[in-house]
Structure formats: structure tokens, C-alpha cells
Amino acid sequence: MRLANHAHHATIITANGRGVDVEAASAGRFGPDLAGVYARWEEFTAWAANLSDTAADVVVDRSLLGSPSPAPRQVFAIGLNYSEHAKESGFAEPDTLPPVFTKFPTCITGPDTEVVLPEGGNTDWEVELVAVIGKEAKNVSAADAWNHVAGLSIGQDISERVSQLRGPAPQFGLGKSFPGFGPVGPWLVTPDEFADPDDLEIGCSLGGEEVQKGRTSELIFSVPALIEGLSRVVTLLPGDIIFTGTPAGVGVGRSPKRFIKPGETLVSRIEGIGEITQTFTSAGN
């Protein structure tokens, strides 16, 4: 199943690209908001399994798509979770749970957006597989973790490196939470839609040049391993978002370093999900 946030309504995307308004099709049982759907995920998916494509009467307009989890109570972001990215960042590969930080929920947006570059900053790209929690998880084993995942989406952990790395100690949260720095979409795809949800091609291009490419099978800590590790410490709640880490190729790791310029367009893609697009403007525009 593909579940979208279309015009602030939970909408199932069918094979022919049309949409089913969940609130209308369920006669108000579910929706319109996505948070309420995640809160009753198992009940919702059981209902959706019997839904006919003939119920699809929504013309999907990408300009109306928001994040498939627009109001997460918690947003987790994982650092150094690909070996080559750890190397380009100058750190050893983690052998326990990788660094965990947060992107504040106000930075979360939909898939196709215009992002203002902060003044005096160096803004970088980080394409990431995003997992959305569908069932509360506390002390969950990796073997059971996929049962707590509603689905997968594409995310960009856009990062302003000056404020992130300014001393006396790095400050990740604020540098990664400027307005629009957490685009997610274009929709959520449930794990059963993939031949192998642990092995998907991932990449992004900036200004038409491919800058990142990898496979999620290269994650040091897979989605199930991350859920196991996180849920030992915190309770993961329905609708929570996990940015699972980025492959090598970020701007700060290049020689010379490269950062996003006004007017450039960033296209991020993941196999079996689709793509999202960000266009960048200067603060003075």
C-alpha cells in the first residue's frame, strides 16, 4: 500500500496513480488526518486490505502532497550509519548504536518544496531512507521490528554545517532543523510492497549531477537494528519518523567542499518509492 498526505487528507495511492480519500471511503471511520490513522494502524491496514480500486476517485496533484507523517511526536536521525560516509566524515565506523540526534518536527515538510538557504551558512545534502512507526515499540527485538513499521519513505536530512559544527561542541539539532530542512515523501510505502525492504537503491543529484548513490543493504545498522536499539531507551510512538542515515557523497566530505547554491535543485530517489525535489533560494529572495 502507498499512503499519502494529499491536501491534508490520508489518501491511498492505487496502482493507476489515482487516490482513495480514506475518510470518505471509510465513512469517517479513519482520517482525514494521518496521525489518527497511525494511532490505529493495524485496524486501518485490515480495513484497507479489502478496499477496491474502484473507490479511487481522487486526482493526485503532487503540489498538494505533504509529509506522509506531518506531525510526528518524535523525529530521530541517525549519523555515521554507512561505512564510507563515516570515513568521509573522519570518524570510525560505529560498533554500537550510531550517533542519534533529532530534527525538530517544525522542519518536516512534503516532498516537493522550495527551501531558503540560511544566511552565512553552508547547506549540505543527505538523502536518507525514512521509516515511519506504525505500532508503539518498547524493548522490541530486531526480529520483530518490521511489525512495528508502518512503512518507508524518502527523506533529506538537509544540514547547515556552520551552525552544526560551531564550537565548543557540535550542535546537530539546530543546524538540521531550519525551515524546510526535513522534506519527506512523496508517500509512505508499506514493507510488504518491496521484494526486500532491507535492500533498496538510494541516491540523489544536485543540479543534474549525481552526488550520492548506494544501497540500504549497506546500512551498518539496519532498520530493524535501529528500532531494537532505540526502543531499549525510548518508546517509539505511532507516526514517529526515523531518518536512518546517509551514504557517502555529502558536500562537506568532498575536496574541495561543495555546498548548495541558490537556484540549484536537489532530486532524491529511493527504489520502489519514487523521488522528492527541493529547489533552493537565497534568504534575500
C-alpha atoms as a PDB file:
ATOM      1  CA  MET A   1       0.000   0.000   0.000  1.00  0.00           C
ATOM      2  CA  ARG A   2       1.058   3.564  -0.704  1.00  0.00           C
ATOM      3  CA  LEU A   3      -0.343   6.091   1.740  1.00  0.00           C
ATOM      4  CA  ALA A   4      -0.077   9.801   1.011  1.00  0.00           C
ATOM      5  CA  ASN A   5      -0.908  13.054   2.703  1.00  0.00           C
ATOM      6  CA  HIS A   6      -2.877  14.677  -0.119  1.00  0.00           C
ATOM      7  CA  ALA A   7      -4.378  18.091   0.661  1.00  0.00           C
ATOM      8  CA  HIS A   8      -4.124  17.208   4.378  1.00  0.00           C
ATOM      9  CA  HIS A   9      -6.185  14.057   3.862  1.00  0.00           C
ATOM     10  CA  ALA A  10      -4.972  10.493   4.292  1.00  0.00           C
ATOM     11  CA  THR A  11      -5.097   9.126   0.751  1.00  0.00           C
ATOM     12  CA  ILE A  12      -4.285   5.657  -0.569  1.00  0.00           C
ATOM     13  CA  ILE A  13      -2.494   5.769  -3.928  1.00  0.00           C
ATOM     14  CA  THR A  14      -3.641   2.987  -6.251  1.00  0.00           C
ATOM     15  CA  ALA A  15      -1.721   1.167  -8.984  1.00  0.00           C
ATOM     16  CA  ASN A  16      -3.122   3.506 -11.645  1.00  0.00           C
ATOM     17  CA  GLY A  17      -1.915   6.587  -9.763  1.00  0.00           C
ATOM     18  CA  ARG A  18      -5.310   7.773  -8.564  1.00  0.00           C
ATOM     19  CA  GLY A  19      -6.219   8.236  -4.934  1.00  0.00           C
ATOM     20  CA  VAL A  20      -8.734   6.964  -2.413  1.00  0.00           C
ATOM     21  CA  ASP A  21      -9.729   9.518   0.201  1.00  0.00           C
ATOM     22  CA  VAL A  22      -9.592   7.446   3.374  1.00  0.00           C
ATOM     23  CA  GLU A  23     -12.140   9.471   5.329  1.00  0.00           C
ATOM     24  CA  ALA A  24     -14.700   9.334   2.529  1.00  0.00           C
ATOM     25  CA  ALA A  25     -14.145   5.659   1.681  1.00  0.00           C
ATOM     26  CA  SER A  26     -14.377   4.595   5.340  1.00  0.00           C
ATOM     27  CA  ALA A  27     -17.442   6.789   6.011  1.00  0.00           C
ATOM     28  CA  GLY A  28     -15.479   8.688   8.668  1.00  0.00           C
ATOM     29  CA  ARG A  29     -14.072   5.635  10.410  1.00  0.00           C
ATOM     30  CA  PHE A  30     -10.496   6.730   9.593  1.00  0.00           C
ATOM     31  CA  GLY A  31      -8.949  10.076   8.709  1.00  0.00           C
ATOM     32  CA  PRO A  32      -8.783  12.675   7.499  1.00  0.00           C
ATOM     33  CA  ASP A  33      -5.534  13.261   9.403  1.00  0.00           C
ATOM     34  CA  LEU A  34      -2.583  10.868   9.167  1.00  0.00           C
ATOM     35  CA  ALA A  35      -1.834  10.917  12.904  1.00  0.00           C
ATOM     36  CA  GLY A  36      -5.174   9.280  13.644  1.00  0.00           C
ATOM     37  CA  VAL A  37      -4.503   6.615  11.018  1.00  0.00           C
ATOM     38  CA  TYR A  38      -1.137   5.683  12.554  1.00  0.00           C
ATOM     39  CA  ALA A  39      -2.722   5.537  16.003  1.00  0.00           C
ATOM     40  CA  ARG A  40      -4.974   2.722  14.704  1.00  0.00           C
ATOM     41  CA  TRP A  41      -2.558   1.261  12.177  1.00  0.00           C
ATOM     42  CA  GLU A  42      -3.399  -2.441  12.487  1.00  0.00           C
ATOM     43  CA  GLU A  43      -7.132  -1.732  12.327  1.00  0.00           C
ATOM     44  CA  PHE A  44      -6.607   0.601   9.378  1.00  0.00           C
ATOM     45  CA  THR A  45      -4.495  -1.828   7.340  1.00  0.00           C
ATOM     46  CA  ALA A  46      -7.024  -4.614   7.897  1.00  0.00           C
ATOM     47  CA  TRP A  47      -9.744  -2.319   6.521  1.00  0.00           C
ATOM     48  CA  ALA A  48      -7.575  -1.117   3.604  1.00  0.00           C
ATOM     49  CA  ALA A  49      -6.769  -4.696   2.560  1.00  0.00           C
ATOM     50  CA  ASN A  50     -10.385  -5.127   1.443  1.00  0.00           C
ATOM     51  CA  LEU A  51     -10.622  -1.817  -0.385  1.00  0.00           C
ATOM     52  CA  SER A  52     -11.415  -1.959  -4.087  1.00  0.00           C
ATOM     53  CA  ASP A  53      -9.539   0.182  -6.609  1.00  0.00           C
ATOM     54  CA  THR A  54     -12.918   1.329  -7.837  1.00  0.00           C
ATOM     55  CA  ALA A  55     -13.049   3.530  -4.743  1.00  0.00           C
ATOM     56  CA  ALA A  56     -10.260   5.664  -6.247  1.00  0.00           C
ATOM     57  CA  ASP A  57     -11.807   8.961  -7.290  1.00  0.00           C
ATOM     58  CA  VAL A  58      -9.106  11.480  -6.294  1.00  0.00           C
ATOM     59  CA  VAL A  59      -6.884  13.005  -8.978  1.00  0.00           C
ATOM     60  CA  VAL A  60      -3.482  13.128  -7.283  1.00  0.00           C
ATOM     61  CA  ASP A  61      -1.757  16.510  -7.560  1.00  0.00           C
ATOM     62  CA  ARG A  62       1.872  16.374  -6.386  1.00  0.00           C
ATOM     63  CA  SER A  63       1.742  20.034  -5.394  1.00  0.00           C
ATOM     64  CA  LEU A  64      -0.800  19.050  -2.723  1.00  0.00           C
ATOM     65  CA  LEU A  65       1.348  16.312  -1.154  1.00  0.00           C
ATOM     66  CA  GLY A  66       2.634  16.826   2.371  1.00  0.00           C
ATOM     67  CA  SER A  67       4.801  14.630   4.530  1.00  0.00           C
ATOM     68  CA  PRO A  68       3.210  11.190   4.995  1.00  0.00           C
ATOM     69  CA  SER A  69       3.703  11.783   8.724  1.00  0.00           C
ATOM     70  CA  PRO A  70       3.147  15.531   9.025  1.00  0.00           C
ATOM     71  CA  ALA A  71       3.045  15.803  12.826  1.00  0.00           C
ATOM     72  CA  PRO A  72       5.440  13.241  14.324  1.00  0.00           C
ATOM     73  CA  ARG A  73       5.847  13.454  18.063  1.00  0.00           C
ATOM     74  CA  GLN A  74       9.468  12.331  17.744  1.00  0.00           C
ATOM     75  CA  VAL A  75      11.936  12.630  14.881  1.00  0.00           C
ATOM     76  CA  PHE A  76      15.092  10.547  15.218  1.00  0.00           C
ATOM     77  CA  ALA A  77      18.093  10.986  12.949  1.00  0.00           C
ATOM     78  CA  ILE A  78      20.992   8.578  12.749  1.00  0.00           C
ATOM     79  CA  GLY A  79      24.591   9.549  11.984  1.00  0.00           C
ATOM     80  CA  LEU A  80      27.520   7.601  10.522  1.00  0.00           C
ATOM     81  CA  ASN A  81      25.376   4.630   9.506  1.00  0.00           C
ATOM     82  CA  TYR A  82      27.167   3.883   6.211  1.00  0.00           C
ATOM     83  CA  SER A  83      30.849   2.894   6.353  1.00  0.00           C
ATOM     84  CA  GLU A  84      32.002   5.180   3.543  1.00  0.00           C
ATOM     85  CA  HIS A  85      30.103   8.135   4.981  1.00  0.00           C
ATOM     86  CA  ALA A  86      31.710   7.569   8.391  1.00  0.00           C
ATOM     87  CA  LYS A  87      35.082   7.531   6.635  1.00  0.00           C
ATOM     88  CA  GLU A  88      34.459  10.742   4.663  1.00  0.00           C
ATOM     89  CA  SER A  89      33.304  12.391   7.908  1.00  0.00           C
ATOM     90  CA  GLY A  90      36.554  11.467   9.648  1.00  0.00           C
ATOM     91  CA  PHE A  91      35.041   9.053  12.178  1.00  0.00           C
ATOM     92  CA  ALA A  92      35.432   5.376  12.937  1.00  0.00           C
ATOM     93  CA  GLU A  93      32.587   3.067  11.964  1.00  0.00           C
ATOM     94  CA  PRO A  94      30.253   2.705  14.983  1.00  0.00           C
ATOM     95  CA  ASP A  95      30.188  -0.707  16.642  1.00  0.00           C
ATOM     96  CA  THR A  96      27.315   0.146  18.973  1.00  0.00           C
ATOM     97  CA  LEU A  97      24.196   2.155  18.145  1.00  0.00           C
ATOM     98  CA  PRO A  98      25.344   5.065  15.905  1.00  0.00           C
ATOM     99  CA  PRO A  99      25.030   8.709  16.978  1.00  0.00           C
ATOM    100  CA  VAL A 100      21.394   9.690  17.447  1.00  0.00           C
ATOM    101  CA  PHE A 101      20.128  13.265  17.273  1.00  0.00           C
ATOM    102  CA  THR A 102      16.833  14.943  16.473  1.00  0.00           C
ATOM    103  CA  LYS A 103      15.435  17.086  13.728  1.00  0.00           C
ATOM    104  CA  PHE A 104      12.761  19.253  15.284  1.00  0.00           C
ATOM    105  CA  PRO A 105       9.300  18.483  13.891  1.00  0.00           C
ATOM    106  CA  THR A 106       8.709  22.009  12.563  1.00  0.00           C
ATOM    107  CA  CYS A 107      11.291  21.361   9.819  1.00  0.00           C
ATOM    108  CA  ILE A 108       9.278  18.450   8.381  1.00  0.00           C
ATOM    109  CA  THR A 109       7.679  19.233   5.023  1.00  0.00           C
ATOM    110  CA  GLY A 110       6.304  17.498   1.969  1.00  0.00           C
ATOM    111  CA  PRO A 111       8.208  16.072  -0.983  1.00  0.00           C
ATOM    112  CA  ASP A 112       8.460  18.952  -3.476  1.00  0.00           C
ATOM    113  CA  THR A 113       9.436  22.208  -1.851  1.00  0.00           C
ATOM    114  CA  GLU A 114      11.346  25.459  -2.077  1.00  0.00           C
ATOM    115  CA  VAL A 115      13.912  25.847   0.698  1.00  0.00           C
ATOM    116  CA  VAL A 116      15.513  29.114   1.795  1.00  0.00           C
ATOM    117  CA  LEU A 117      19.267  28.843   2.381  1.00  0.00           C
ATOM    118  CA  PRO A 118      20.253  30.314   5.767  1.00  0.00           C
ATOM    119  CA  GLU A 119      22.426  33.418   5.526  1.00  0.00           C
ATOM    120  CA  GLY A 120      26.106  32.888   6.204  1.00  0.00           C
ATOM    121  CA  GLY A 121      25.777  29.111   6.164  1.00  0.00           C
ATOM    122  CA  ASN A 122      27.000  26.119   4.212  1.00  0.00           C
ATOM    123  CA  THR A 123      23.978  23.983   3.400  1.00  0.00           C
ATOM    124  CA  ASP A 124      24.568  20.316   2.575  1.00  0.00           C
ATOM    125  CA  TRP A 125      22.508  17.359   1.356  1.00  0.00           C
ATOM    126  CA  GLU A 126      21.944  13.923   2.941  1.00  0.00           C
ATOM    127  CA  VAL A 127      19.490  11.581   1.210  1.00  0.00           C
ATOM    128  CA  GLU A 128      18.065   9.035   3.650  1.00  0.00           C
ATOM    129  CA  LEU A 129      15.646   6.160   3.895  1.00  0.00           C
ATOM    130  CA  VAL A 130      12.935   7.171   6.367  1.00  0.00           C
ATOM    131  CA  ALA A 131      10.994   4.678   8.475  1.00  0.00           C
ATOM    132  CA  VAL A 132       7.631   5.652   9.975  1.00  0.00           C
ATOM    133  CA  ILE A 133       6.474   3.836  13.098  1.00  0.00           C
ATOM    134  CA  GLY A 134       3.007   2.267  12.934  1.00  0.00           C
ATOM    135  CA  LYS A 135       2.866   0.452  16.255  1.00  0.00           C
ATOM    136  CA  GLU A 136       4.245   1.524  19.629  1.00  0.00           C
ATOM    137  CA  ALA A 137       7.664  -0.023  20.209  1.00  0.00           C
ATOM    138  CA  LYS A 138       9.405  -0.500  23.547  1.00  0.00           C
ATOM    139  CA  ASN A 139      12.166  -3.097  24.023  1.00  0.00           C
ATOM    140  CA  VAL A 140      11.411  -4.570  20.615  1.00  0.00           C
ATOM    141  CA  SER A 141      13.765  -7.177  19.166  1.00  0.00           C
ATOM    142  CA  ALA A 142      15.202  -6.751  15.681  1.00  0.00           C
ATOM    143  CA  ALA A 143      13.415  -9.945  14.664  1.00  0.00           C
ATOM    144  CA  ASP A 144      10.055  -8.320  15.453  1.00  0.00           C
ATOM    145  CA  ALA A 145      10.893  -4.763  14.408  1.00  0.00           C
ATOM    146  CA  TRP A 146       9.318  -4.741  10.939  1.00  0.00           C
ATOM    147  CA  ASN A 147       5.968  -5.464  12.610  1.00  0.00           C
ATOM    148  CA  HIS A 148       6.224  -2.009  14.190  1.00  0.00           C
ATOM    149  CA  VAL A 149       6.966  -0.156  10.938  1.00  0.00           C
ATOM    150  CA  ALA A 150       4.071   1.397   9.039  1.00  0.00           C
ATOM    151  CA  GLY A 151       6.224   1.974   6.003  1.00  0.00           C
ATOM    152  CA  LEU A 152       9.180   3.605   4.305  1.00  0.00           C
ATOM    153  CA  SER A 153       9.633   6.949   2.600  1.00  0.00           C
ATOM    154  CA  ILE A 154      12.344   9.233   1.213  1.00  0.00           C
ATOM    155  CA  GLY A 155      13.880  11.942   3.375  1.00  0.00           C
ATOM    156  CA  GLN A 156      16.507  14.638   3.056  1.00  0.00           C
ATOM    157  CA  ASP A 157      18.426  15.448   6.219  1.00  0.00           C
ATOM    158  CA  ILE A 158      19.361  18.903   4.919  1.00  0.00           C
ATOM    159  CA  SER A 159      22.165  20.239   7.094  1.00  0.00           C
ATOM    160  CA  GLU A 160      23.653  23.685   7.633  1.00  0.00           C
ATOM    161  CA  ARG A 161      27.254  22.869   8.514  1.00  0.00           C
ATOM    162  CA  VAL A 162      28.416  26.177  10.061  1.00  0.00           C
ATOM    163  CA  SER A 163      25.847  26.127  12.865  1.00  0.00           C
ATOM    164  CA  GLN A 164      26.037  22.336  13.138  1.00  0.00           C
ATOM    165  CA  LEU A 165      29.790  22.233  13.720  1.00  0.00           C
ATOM    166  CA  ARG A 166      30.342  25.531  15.536  1.00  0.00           C
ATOM    167  CA  GLY A 167      32.149  25.001  18.869  1.00  0.00           C
ATOM    168  CA  PRO A 168      32.748  24.454  21.663  1.00  0.00           C
ATOM    169  CA  ALA A 169      30.893  21.222  20.768  1.00  0.00           C
ATOM    170  CA  PRO A 170      28.952  20.269  17.619  1.00  0.00           C
ATOM    171  CA  GLN A 171      25.259  21.216  17.711  1.00  0.00           C
ATOM    172  CA  PHE A 172      23.441  18.913  15.328  1.00  0.00           C
ATOM    173  CA  GLY A 173      19.786  19.555  16.158  1.00  0.00           C
ATOM    174  CA  LEU A 174      19.518  23.239  15.271  1.00  0.00           C
ATOM    175  CA  GLY A 175      21.779  23.019  12.224  1.00  0.00           C
ATOM    176  CA  LYS A 176      19.491  20.372  10.766  1.00  0.00           C
ATOM    177  CA  SER A 177      16.153  21.968  11.651  1.00  0.00           C
ATOM    178  CA  PHE A 178      15.902  25.211   9.704  1.00  0.00           C
ATOM    179  CA  PRO A 179      12.526  25.648   7.966  1.00  0.00           C
ATOM    180  CA  GLY A 180      12.109  23.059   5.226  1.00  0.00           C
ATOM    181  CA  PHE A 181      15.191  21.044   6.233  1.00  0.00           C
ATOM    182  CA  GLY A 182      13.225  17.800   6.666  1.00  0.00           C
ATOM    183  CA  PRO A 183      11.338  17.021   3.445  1.00  0.00           C
ATOM    184  CA  VAL A 184       9.738  13.554   3.458  1.00  0.00           C
ATOM    185  CA  GLY A 185       7.687  11.801   0.784  1.00  0.00           C
ATOM    186  CA  PRO A 186       6.248  11.515  -1.716  1.00  0.00           C
ATOM    187  CA  TRP A 187       4.270   8.895   0.218  1.00  0.00           C
ATOM    188  CA  LEU A 188       4.679   6.016   2.626  1.00  0.00           C
ATOM    189  CA  VAL A 189       5.155   2.541   1.128  1.00  0.00           C
ATOM    190  CA  THR A 190       4.342  -0.422   3.371  1.00  0.00           C
ATOM    191  CA  PRO A 191       7.129  -3.031   3.809  1.00  0.00           C
ATOM    192  CA  ASP A 192       5.169  -5.777   2.031  1.00  0.00           C
ATOM    193  CA  GLU A 193       5.408  -3.821  -1.227  1.00  0.00           C
ATOM    194  CA  PHE A 194       9.159  -4.492  -1.502  1.00  0.00           C
ATOM    195  CA  ALA A 195      10.871  -7.707  -2.550  1.00  0.00           C
ATOM    196  CA  ASP A 196      13.407  -6.871   0.191  1.00  0.00           C
ATOM    197  CA  PRO A 197      12.802  -3.739   2.278  1.00  0.00           C
ATOM    198  CA  ASP A 198      16.378  -4.006   3.595  1.00  0.00           C
ATOM    199  CA  ASP A 199      17.972  -3.626   0.148  1.00  0.00           C
ATOM    200  CA  LEU A 200      16.905  -0.585  -1.891  1.00  0.00           C
ATOM    201  CA  GLU A 201      18.940   1.642  -4.182  1.00  0.00           C
ATOM    202  CA  ILE A 202      19.247   5.169  -2.807  1.00  0.00           C
ATOM    203  CA  GLY A 203      20.750   8.327  -4.264  1.00  0.00           C
ATOM    204  CA  CYS A 204      20.414  11.981  -5.131  1.00  0.00           C
ATOM    205  CA  SER A 205      21.551  14.521  -7.702  1.00  0.00           C
ATOM    206  CA  LEU A 206      22.285  18.225  -7.366  1.00  0.00           C
ATOM    207  CA  GLY A 207      21.948  20.429 -10.418  1.00  0.00           C
ATOM    208  CA  GLY A 208      21.693  17.308 -12.555  1.00  0.00           C
ATOM    209  CA  GLU A 209      24.936  15.768 -11.203  1.00  0.00           C
ATOM    210  CA  GLU A 210      24.676  12.546  -9.228  1.00  0.00           C
ATOM    211  CA  VAL A 211      26.243  13.205  -5.827  1.00  0.00           C
ATOM    212  CA  GLN A 212      25.146  10.177  -3.785  1.00  0.00           C
ATOM    213  CA  LYS A 213      24.403   6.579  -4.699  1.00  0.00           C
ATOM    214  CA  GLY A 214      24.247   3.445  -2.585  1.00  0.00           C
ATOM    215  CA  ARG A 215      22.019   0.672  -1.300  1.00  0.00           C
ATOM    216  CA  THR A 216      20.239   0.479   2.030  1.00  0.00           C
ATOM    217  CA  SER A 217      21.722  -3.000   2.470  1.00  0.00           C
ATOM    218  CA  GLU A 218      24.957  -1.079   3.189  1.00  0.00           C
ATOM    219  CA  LEU A 219      23.471   0.394   6.371  1.00  0.00           C
ATOM    220  CA  ILE A 220      25.688  -0.577   9.307  1.00  0.00           C
ATOM    221  CA  PHE A 221      22.580  -0.762  11.489  1.00  0.00           C
ATOM    222  CA  SER A 222      19.522  -1.844   9.501  1.00  0.00           C
ATOM    223  CA  VAL A 223      16.030  -0.509  10.143  1.00  0.00           C
ATOM    224  CA  PRO A 224      15.263  -3.461  12.496  1.00  0.00           C
ATOM    225  CA  ALA A 225      18.569  -2.986  14.343  1.00  0.00           C
ATOM    226  CA  LEU A 226      17.884   0.732  14.789  1.00  0.00           C
ATOM    227  CA  ILE A 227      14.407   0.069  16.157  1.00  0.00           C
ATOM    228  CA  GLU A 228      15.801  -2.503  18.565  1.00  0.00           C
ATOM    229  CA  GLY A 229      18.472  -0.083  19.792  1.00  0.00           C
ATOM    230  CA  LEU A 230      16.243   2.974  20.031  1.00  0.00           C
ATOM    231  CA  SER A 231      13.382   1.118  21.721  1.00  0.00           C
ATOM    232  CA  ARG A 232      15.683  -0.048  24.501  1.00  0.00           C
ATOM    233  CA  VAL A 233      15.948   3.601  25.589  1.00  0.00           C
ATOM    234  CA  VAL A 234      12.796   5.400  24.417  1.00  0.00           C
ATOM    235  CA  THR A 235       9.282   4.402  23.463  1.00  0.00           C
ATOM    236  CA  LEU A 236       8.697   4.784  19.731  1.00  0.00           C
ATOM    237  CA  LEU A 237       5.214   6.105  19.017  1.00  0.00           C
ATOM    238  CA  PRO A 238       2.906   5.719  16.012  1.00  0.00           C
ATOM    239  CA  GLY A 239       3.801   8.309  13.392  1.00  0.00           C
ATOM    240  CA  ASP A 240       7.363   8.804  14.669  1.00  0.00           C
ATOM    241  CA  ILE A 241       9.973   9.284  11.955  1.00  0.00           C
ATOM    242  CA  ILE A 242      13.438   7.737  11.824  1.00  0.00           C
ATOM    243  CA  PHE A 243      15.973   9.156   9.361  1.00  0.00           C
ATOM    244  CA  THR A 244      18.218   6.102   9.054  1.00  0.00           C
ATOM    245  CA  GLY A 245      21.492   7.651   7.846  1.00  0.00           C
ATOM    246  CA  THR A 246      23.062   8.791   4.589  1.00  0.00           C
ATOM    247  CA  PRO A 247      25.508   7.153   2.177  1.00  0.00           C
ATOM    248  CA  ALA A 248      28.806   8.749   1.142  1.00  0.00           C
ATOM    249  CA  GLY A 249      28.920  11.761  -1.149  1.00  0.00           C
ATOM    250  CA  VAL A 250      27.882  14.702   1.039  1.00  0.00           C
ATOM    251  CA  GLY A 251      29.331  18.115   0.273  1.00  0.00           C
ATOM    252  CA  VAL A 252      31.311  18.553   3.477  1.00  0.00           C
ATOM    253  CA  GLY A 253      33.172  15.307   2.774  1.00  0.00           C
ATOM    254  CA  ARG A 254      34.390  16.408  -0.666  1.00  0.00           C
ATOM    255  CA  SER A 255      37.688  18.006  -1.644  1.00  0.00           C
ATOM    256  CA  PRO A 256      37.098  20.801  -2.303  1.00  0.00           C
ATOM    257  CA  LYS A 257      33.965  21.017  -0.180  1.00  0.00           C
ATOM    258  CA  ARG A 258      30.756  21.729  -2.046  1.00  0.00           C
ATOM    259  CA  PHE A 259      27.575  23.256  -0.718  1.00  0.00           C
ATOM    260  CA  ILE A 260      24.169  24.054  -2.172  1.00  0.00           C
ATOM    261  CA  LYS A 261      23.846  27.329  -4.077  1.00  0.00           C
ATOM    262  CA  PRO A 262      20.754  29.458  -4.713  1.00  0.00           C
ATOM    263  CA  GLY A 263      18.888  28.267  -7.789  1.00  0.00           C
ATOM    264  CA  GLU A 264      20.095  24.652  -7.547  1.00  0.00           C
ATOM    265  CA  THR A 265      17.666  21.733  -7.484  1.00  0.00           C
ATOM    266  CA  LEU A 266      18.175  18.582  -5.417  1.00  0.00           C
ATOM    267  CA  VAL A 267      16.423  15.390  -6.535  1.00  0.00           C
ATOM    268  CA  SER A 268      16.444  12.444  -4.097  1.00  0.00           C
ATOM    269  CA  ARG A 269      15.294   8.951  -5.005  1.00  0.00           C
ATOM    270  CA  ILE A 270      14.832   5.513  -3.478  1.00  0.00           C
ATOM    271  CA  GLU A 271      13.986   2.370  -5.407  1.00  0.00           C
ATOM    272  CA  GLY A 272      10.363   1.328  -5.079  1.00  0.00           C
ATOM    273  CA  ILE A 273       9.308   4.631  -3.505  1.00  0.00           C
ATOM    274  CA  GLY A 274       9.965   7.396  -6.029  1.00  0.00           C
ATOM    275  CA  GLU A 275      11.630  10.768  -5.698  1.00  0.00           C
ATOM    276  CA  ILE A 276      11.387  14.128  -3.975  1.00  0.00           C
ATOM    277  CA  THR A 277      12.602  17.510  -5.237  1.00  0.00           C
ATOM    278  CA  GLN A 278      13.936  20.566  -3.418  1.00  0.00           C
ATOM    279  CA  THR A 279      14.761  23.886  -5.065  1.00  0.00           C
ATOM    280  CA  PHE A 280      16.865  26.369  -3.106  1.00  0.00           C
ATOM    281  CA  THR A 281      16.659  30.156  -2.919  1.00  0.00           C
ATOM    282  CA  SER A 282      18.682  32.769  -1.082  1.00  0.00           C
ATOM    283  CA  ALA A 283      17.377  34.416   2.079  1.00  0.00           C
ATOM    284  CA  GLY A 284      17.086  37.741   0.254  1.00  0.00           C
ATOM    285  CA  ASN A 285      14.589  36.475  -2.314  1.00  0.00           C
END
